[in-house]
Amino acid sequence: MTLDHVSLLVRDLDRSRDFYSAALTQLGISIVFEDASAAGFGKNRKAQFWLNSGVTPSGPTHIAFAAATRAQVRAFHAAALAAGGTDNGAPGLRPHYHPDYYGAFVLDPDGNNAEAVCRLPEV
């Protein structure tokens, strides 16, 4: 299965945009579209993760972003915490998912569980 994009409704678009911008930059993901009611994040000018302002947020939802390296997972976690996220699982191996599953979890401003994961062995 291939997903084209995912959208979340958020209470405060500016706050959520700033949070995800700080965290996702560590994974090479940036804002590729923005207007008064939405922010789209992606690579190569294709938005695949959307934030939309809404009265009631979508959450709580879990979303995992692919990281190319374990160092990116650690950088994502640190940046997300610095941007106001709440730790929901420090960077580390989760061998119960997969022997090389290295992930980190942070709750965003609306309580969604944002994760960065690298499924490759340490190099």
N, C-alpha and C. Protein backbone atom coordinates (compact mmCIF):
# COMPACT_ATOMS: atom_id res chain seq x y z
N MET A 1 0.85 -1.18 0.00
CA MET A 1 0.00 0.00 0.00
C MET A 1 0.89 1.24 0.00
N THR A 2 0.51 2.22 -0.77
CA THR A 2 1.21 3.50 -0.80
C THR A 2 0.20 4.60 -0.51
N LEU A 3 0.51 5.41 0.48
CA LEU A 3 -0.34 6.55 0.80
C LEU A 3 0.17 7.77 0.04
N ASP A 4 -0.74 8.59 -0.41
CA ASP A 4 -0.35 9.83 -1.08
C ASP A 4 -0.13 10.95 -0.07
N HIS A 5 -1.02 11.06 0.91
CA HIS A 5 -0.84 12.08 1.95
C HIS A 5 -1.72 11.78 3.16
N VAL A 6 -1.39 12.45 4.26
CA VAL A 6 -2.11 12.33 5.52
C VAL A 6 -2.36 13.74 6.03
N SER A 7 -3.54 13.97 6.60
CA SER A 7 -3.89 15.29 7.15
C SER A 7 -4.31 15.16 8.60
N LEU A 8 -3.94 16.16 9.39
CA LEU A 8 -4.39 16.26 10.77
C LEU A 8 -5.09 17.60 10.96
N LEU A 9 -6.19 17.60 11.69
CA LEU A 9 -6.79 18.84 12.14
C LEU A 9 -6.10 19.23 13.44
N VAL A 10 -5.72 20.51 13.55
CA VAL A 10 -5.01 20.99 14.73
C VAL A 10 -5.72 22.22 15.30
N ARG A 11 -5.59 22.40 16.61
CA ARG A 11 -6.21 23.54 17.27
C ARG A 11 -5.57 24.86 16.89
N ASP A 12 -4.23 24.89 16.90
CA ASP A 12 -3.47 26.12 16.66
C ASP A 12 -2.48 25.85 15.52
N LEU A 13 -2.84 26.28 14.33
CA LEU A 13 -2.03 25.98 13.14
C LEU A 13 -0.61 26.52 13.28
N ASP A 14 -0.46 27.74 13.76
CA ASP A 14 0.89 28.31 13.87
C ASP A 14 1.76 27.50 14.83
N ARG A 15 1.22 27.15 15.97
CA ARG A 15 1.97 26.37 16.95
C ARG A 15 2.34 25.00 16.40
N SER A 16 1.40 24.32 15.78
CA SER A 16 1.67 23.00 15.22
C SER A 16 2.63 23.08 14.05
N ARG A 17 2.48 24.10 13.21
CA ARG A 17 3.40 24.28 12.08
C ARG A 17 4.82 24.47 12.58
N ASP A 18 5.00 25.30 13.61
CA ASP A 18 6.34 25.54 14.15
C ASP A 18 6.93 24.28 14.76
N PHE A 19 6.09 23.51 15.48
CA PHE A 19 6.55 22.25 16.08
C PHE A 19 7.02 21.28 15.00
N TYR A 20 6.17 21.01 14.01
CA TYR A 20 6.54 20.04 12.98
C TYR A 20 7.66 20.55 12.09
N SER A 21 7.71 21.84 11.85
CA SER A 21 8.79 22.38 11.05
C SER A 21 10.14 22.12 11.71
N ALA A 22 10.23 22.35 13.03
CA ALA A 22 11.48 22.10 13.75
C ALA A 22 11.85 20.62 13.75
N ALA A 23 10.87 19.76 14.01
CA ALA A 23 11.15 18.32 14.10
C ALA A 23 11.44 17.70 12.74
N LEU A 24 10.63 18.03 11.74
CA LEU A 24 10.76 17.37 10.44
C LEU A 24 11.94 17.87 9.62
N THR A 25 12.41 19.07 9.90
CA THR A 25 13.61 19.55 9.22
C THR A 25 14.76 18.58 9.44
N GLN A 26 14.79 17.94 10.60
CA GLN A 26 15.85 16.97 10.92
C GLN A 26 15.80 15.75 10.02
N LEU A 27 14.67 15.52 9.36
CA LEU A 27 14.50 14.37 8.46
C LEU A 27 14.52 14.79 6.99
N GLY A 28 14.86 16.05 6.74
CA GLY A 28 14.88 16.54 5.36
C GLY A 28 13.51 16.87 4.81
N ILE A 29 12.53 17.05 5.71
CA ILE A 29 11.16 17.37 5.32
C ILE A 29 10.88 18.82 5.68
N SER A 30 10.29 19.57 4.76
CA SER A 30 10.04 20.98 5.02
C SER A 30 8.65 21.38 4.51
N ILE A 31 8.27 22.61 4.84
CA ILE A 31 6.99 23.14 4.36
C ILE A 31 7.10 23.40 2.86
N VAL A 32 6.18 22.84 2.10
CA VAL A 32 6.16 23.05 0.66
C VAL A 32 4.91 23.79 0.21
N PHE A 33 3.95 23.97 1.13
CA PHE A 33 2.74 24.76 0.86
C PHE A 33 2.24 25.32 2.17
N GLU A 34 1.76 26.58 2.11
CA GLU A 34 1.20 27.17 3.31
C GLU A 34 0.23 28.27 2.93
N ASP A 35 -0.91 28.28 3.64
CA ASP A 35 -1.83 29.41 3.54
C ASP A 35 -2.43 29.63 4.93
N ALA A 36 -3.48 30.42 5.03
CA ALA A 36 -4.04 30.77 6.33
C ALA A 36 -4.67 29.59 7.06
N SER A 37 -5.03 28.52 6.35
CA SER A 37 -5.73 27.42 7.00
C SER A 37 -5.01 26.08 6.93
N ALA A 38 -3.83 26.03 6.29
CA ALA A 38 -3.14 24.74 6.13
C ALA A 38 -1.64 24.93 5.94
N ALA A 39 -0.91 23.88 6.30
CA ALA A 39 0.53 23.80 6.02
C ALA A 39 0.80 22.39 5.52
N GLY A 40 1.47 22.29 4.38
CA GLY A 40 1.81 21.00 3.80
C GLY A 40 3.31 20.78 3.86
N PHE A 41 3.73 19.63 4.38
CA PHE A 41 5.14 19.27 4.51
C PHE A 41 5.48 18.16 3.55
N GLY A 42 6.69 18.21 3.01
CA GLY A 42 7.12 17.14 2.12
C GLY A 42 8.53 17.36 1.61
N LYS A 43 8.83 16.68 0.53
CA LYS A 43 10.11 16.78 -0.17
C LYS A 43 9.81 16.99 -1.65
N ASN A 44 10.72 17.62 -2.33
CA ASN A 44 10.60 17.83 -3.78
C ASN A 44 9.27 18.47 -4.17
N ARG A 45 8.84 19.43 -3.40
CA ARG A 45 7.62 20.22 -3.65
C ARG A 45 6.33 19.42 -3.62
N LYS A 46 6.36 18.19 -3.06
CA LYS A 46 5.14 17.39 -2.94
C LYS A 46 4.77 17.26 -1.47
N ALA A 47 3.66 17.87 -1.09
CA ALA A 47 3.20 17.79 0.29
C ALA A 47 2.57 16.43 0.55
N GLN A 48 3.05 15.76 1.57
CA GLN A 48 2.52 14.45 1.93
C GLN A 48 1.96 14.42 3.35
N PHE A 49 2.31 15.41 4.15
CA PHE A 49 1.81 15.52 5.52
C PHE A 49 1.22 16.92 5.68
N TRP A 50 -0.07 16.96 6.00
CA TRP A 50 -0.80 18.22 6.07
C TRP A 50 -1.29 18.52 7.47
N LEU A 51 -1.22 19.77 7.84
CA LEU A 51 -1.87 20.29 9.04
C LEU A 51 -2.95 21.24 8.58
N ASN A 52 -4.15 21.06 9.10
CA ASN A 52 -5.27 21.93 8.76
C ASN A 52 -5.87 22.48 10.04
N SER A 53 -6.16 23.79 10.05
CA SER A 53 -6.77 24.35 11.24
C SER A 53 -8.18 23.83 11.37
N GLY A 54 -8.53 23.50 12.61
CA GLY A 54 -9.85 22.98 12.89
C GLY A 54 -10.24 23.29 14.31
N VAL A 55 -11.51 23.35 14.56
CA VAL A 55 -11.99 23.64 15.90
C VAL A 55 -11.62 22.50 16.84
N THR A 56 -11.75 21.28 16.37
CA THR A 56 -11.43 20.10 17.17
C THR A 56 -10.32 19.33 16.45
N PRO A 57 -9.21 19.05 17.17
CA PRO A 57 -8.13 18.31 16.51
C PRO A 57 -8.52 16.88 16.16
N SER A 58 -7.78 16.28 15.24
CA SER A 58 -8.02 14.91 14.80
C SER A 58 -7.71 13.89 15.86
N GLY A 59 -6.77 14.19 16.70
CA GLY A 59 -6.11 13.23 17.57
C GLY A 59 -6.96 12.62 18.65
N PRO A 60 -6.32 11.81 19.46
CA PRO A 60 -4.91 11.51 19.28
C PRO A 60 -4.67 10.50 18.15
N THR A 61 -3.66 10.78 17.39
CA THR A 61 -3.28 9.97 16.24
C THR A 61 -1.80 9.63 16.35
N HIS A 62 -1.40 8.52 15.79
CA HIS A 62 0.02 8.16 15.72
C HIS A 62 0.45 8.28 14.27
N ILE A 63 1.57 8.99 14.06
CA ILE A 63 2.14 9.08 12.72
C ILE A 63 3.64 8.88 12.82
N ALA A 64 4.18 8.03 11.96
CA ALA A 64 5.61 7.73 11.98
C ALA A 64 6.24 8.23 10.69
N PHE A 65 7.35 8.94 10.85
CA PHE A 65 8.10 9.48 9.73
C PHE A 65 9.38 8.67 9.56
N ALA A 66 9.71 8.31 8.33
CA ALA A 66 10.90 7.52 8.05
C ALA A 66 12.15 8.39 8.17
N ALA A 67 13.14 7.86 8.86
CA ALA A 67 14.44 8.51 8.99
C ALA A 67 15.47 7.65 8.25
N ALA A 68 16.43 8.30 7.63
CA ALA A 68 17.46 7.58 6.89
C ALA A 68 18.52 6.99 7.81
N THR A 69 18.70 7.61 8.99
CA THR A 69 19.74 7.15 9.92
C THR A 69 19.22 7.25 11.36
N ARG A 70 19.89 6.56 12.24
CA ARG A 70 19.56 6.66 13.66
C ARG A 70 19.89 8.05 14.19
N ALA A 71 20.91 8.67 13.64
CA ALA A 71 21.24 10.04 14.05
C ALA A 71 20.08 10.99 13.74
N GLN A 72 19.40 10.78 12.62
CA GLN A 72 18.23 11.61 12.31
C GLN A 72 17.12 11.38 13.32
N VAL A 73 16.94 10.16 13.78
CA VAL A 73 15.92 9.87 14.80
C VAL A 73 16.24 10.67 16.06
N ARG A 74 17.49 10.64 16.48
CA ARG A 74 17.88 11.38 17.69
C ARG A 74 17.70 12.89 17.49
N ALA A 75 18.05 13.40 16.31
CA ALA A 75 17.90 14.83 16.04
C ALA A 75 16.42 15.23 16.02
N PHE A 76 15.58 14.40 15.43
CA PHE A 76 14.13 14.64 15.41
C PHE A 76 13.61 14.76 16.84
N HIS A 77 13.96 13.80 17.69
CA HIS A 77 13.49 13.77 19.06
C HIS A 77 13.94 15.03 19.81
N ALA A 78 15.21 15.38 19.70
CA ALA A 78 15.73 16.56 20.39
C ALA A 78 15.05 17.84 19.91
N ALA A 79 14.89 17.98 18.60
CA ALA A 79 14.26 19.18 18.04
C ALA A 79 12.79 19.26 18.43
N ALA A 80 12.10 18.12 18.44
CA ALA A 80 10.69 18.11 18.81
C ALA A 80 10.51 18.51 20.27
N LEU A 81 11.38 18.03 21.14
CA LEU A 81 11.31 18.42 22.55
C LEU A 81 11.61 19.91 22.72
N ALA A 82 12.62 20.40 22.01
CA ALA A 82 12.97 21.82 22.09
C ALA A 82 11.84 22.71 21.56
N ALA A 83 11.03 22.17 20.66
CA ALA A 83 9.92 22.93 20.07
C ALA A 83 8.64 22.81 20.90
N GLY A 84 8.73 22.20 22.08
CA GLY A 84 7.57 22.13 22.96
C GLY A 84 6.88 20.79 23.04
N GLY A 85 7.42 19.77 22.39
CA GLY A 85 6.83 18.44 22.46
C GLY A 85 7.08 17.79 23.80
N THR A 86 6.34 16.73 24.07
CA THR A 86 6.47 15.96 25.31
C THR A 86 7.03 14.59 24.97
N ASP A 87 8.09 14.20 25.67
CA ASP A 87 8.70 12.89 25.42
C ASP A 87 7.68 11.78 25.61
N ASN A 88 7.63 10.88 24.63
CA ASN A 88 6.74 9.72 24.72
C ASN A 88 7.50 8.44 24.40
N GLY A 89 8.83 8.52 24.45
CA GLY A 89 9.69 7.37 24.17
C GLY A 89 11.00 7.83 23.60
N ALA A 90 12.05 7.77 24.40
CA ALA A 90 13.37 8.24 23.98
C ALA A 90 13.90 7.41 22.81
N PRO A 91 14.83 7.98 22.04
CA PRO A 91 15.42 7.23 20.93
C PRO A 91 16.04 5.93 21.43
N GLY A 92 15.77 4.86 20.70
CA GLY A 92 16.34 3.57 21.06
C GLY A 92 15.77 2.45 20.22
N LEU A 93 16.38 1.30 20.38
CA LEU A 93 15.92 0.10 19.67
C LEU A 93 14.60 -0.37 20.24
N ARG A 94 13.73 -0.84 19.36
CA ARG A 94 12.45 -1.47 19.72
C ARG A 94 12.45 -2.85 19.04
N PRO A 95 13.28 -3.79 19.53
CA PRO A 95 13.42 -5.08 18.84
C PRO A 95 12.15 -5.91 18.83
N HIS A 96 11.17 -5.59 19.67
CA HIS A 96 9.90 -6.31 19.62
C HIS A 96 9.12 -5.97 18.35
N TYR A 97 9.45 -4.84 17.69
CA TYR A 97 8.85 -4.51 16.39
C TYR A 97 9.63 -5.15 15.25
N HIS A 98 10.96 -5.03 15.34
CA HIS A 98 11.87 -5.50 14.29
C HIS A 98 13.28 -5.41 14.88
N PRO A 99 14.18 -6.32 14.56
CA PRO A 99 15.51 -6.30 15.18
C PRO A 99 16.26 -4.97 15.04
N ASP A 100 16.07 -4.25 13.94
CA ASP A 100 16.78 -2.99 13.72
C ASP A 100 15.87 -1.76 13.86
N TYR A 101 14.70 -1.92 14.44
CA TYR A 101 13.74 -0.82 14.58
C TYR A 101 14.25 0.15 15.63
N TYR A 102 14.65 1.34 15.17
CA TYR A 102 15.19 2.38 16.06
C TYR A 102 14.25 3.58 15.95
N GLY A 103 13.55 3.87 17.02
CA GLY A 103 12.55 4.93 16.96
C GLY A 103 12.58 5.85 18.16
N ALA A 104 11.88 6.97 18.02
CA ALA A 104 11.69 7.94 19.10
C ALA A 104 10.29 8.51 18.95
N PHE A 105 9.66 8.80 20.06
CA PHE A 105 8.26 9.24 20.09
C PHE A 105 8.12 10.54 20.88
N VAL A 106 7.31 11.45 20.34
CA VAL A 106 7.05 12.73 20.99
C VAL A 106 5.59 13.08 20.79
N LEU A 107 4.95 13.58 21.84
CA LEU A 107 3.58 14.08 21.71
C LEU A 107 3.62 15.51 21.21
N ASP A 108 2.85 15.80 20.16
CA ASP A 108 2.79 17.15 19.59
C ASP A 108 1.86 18.03 20.43
N PRO A 109 1.68 19.31 20.05
CA PRO A 109 0.84 20.21 20.85
C PRO A 109 -0.61 19.75 21.03
N ASP A 110 -1.11 18.88 20.14
CA ASP A 110 -2.48 18.38 20.26
C ASP A 110 -2.55 16.97 20.84
N GLY A 111 -1.41 16.45 21.29
CA GLY A 111 -1.40 15.12 21.89
C GLY A 111 -1.23 13.98 20.92
N ASN A 112 -0.95 14.28 19.66
CA ASN A 112 -0.67 13.23 18.67
C ASN A 112 0.71 12.65 18.94
N ASN A 113 0.87 11.36 18.70
CA ASN A 113 2.13 10.67 18.91
C ASN A 113 2.93 10.70 17.61
N ALA A 114 3.92 11.59 17.55
CA ALA A 114 4.78 11.71 16.36
C ALA A 114 6.03 10.88 16.59
N GLU A 115 6.38 10.09 15.59
CA GLU A 115 7.52 9.18 15.70
C GLU A 115 8.45 9.37 14.52
N ALA A 116 9.75 9.20 14.77
CA ALA A 116 10.72 9.05 13.70
C ALA A 116 11.30 7.65 13.86
N VAL A 117 11.45 6.93 12.75
CA VAL A 117 11.93 5.56 12.81
C VAL A 117 12.93 5.29 11.69
N CYS A 118 13.99 4.60 12.05
CA CYS A 118 14.98 4.08 11.10
C CYS A 118 14.99 2.57 11.27
N ARG A 119 14.84 1.85 10.18
CA ARG A 119 14.80 0.37 10.24
C ARG A 119 16.12 -0.26 9.77
N LEU A 120 17.16 0.54 9.73
CA LEU A 120 18.47 0.05 9.28
C LEU A 120 19.40 -0.17 10.46
N PRO A 121 20.35 -1.09 10.33
CA PRO A 121 21.32 -1.28 11.42
C PRO A 121 22.21 -0.06 11.54
N GLU A 122 22.81 0.09 12.72
CA GLU A 122 23.76 1.18 12.96
C GLU A 122 24.95 1.01 12.03
N VAL A 123 25.42 2.09 11.47
CA VAL A 123 26.59 2.02 10.58
C VAL A 123 27.80 2.63 11.24
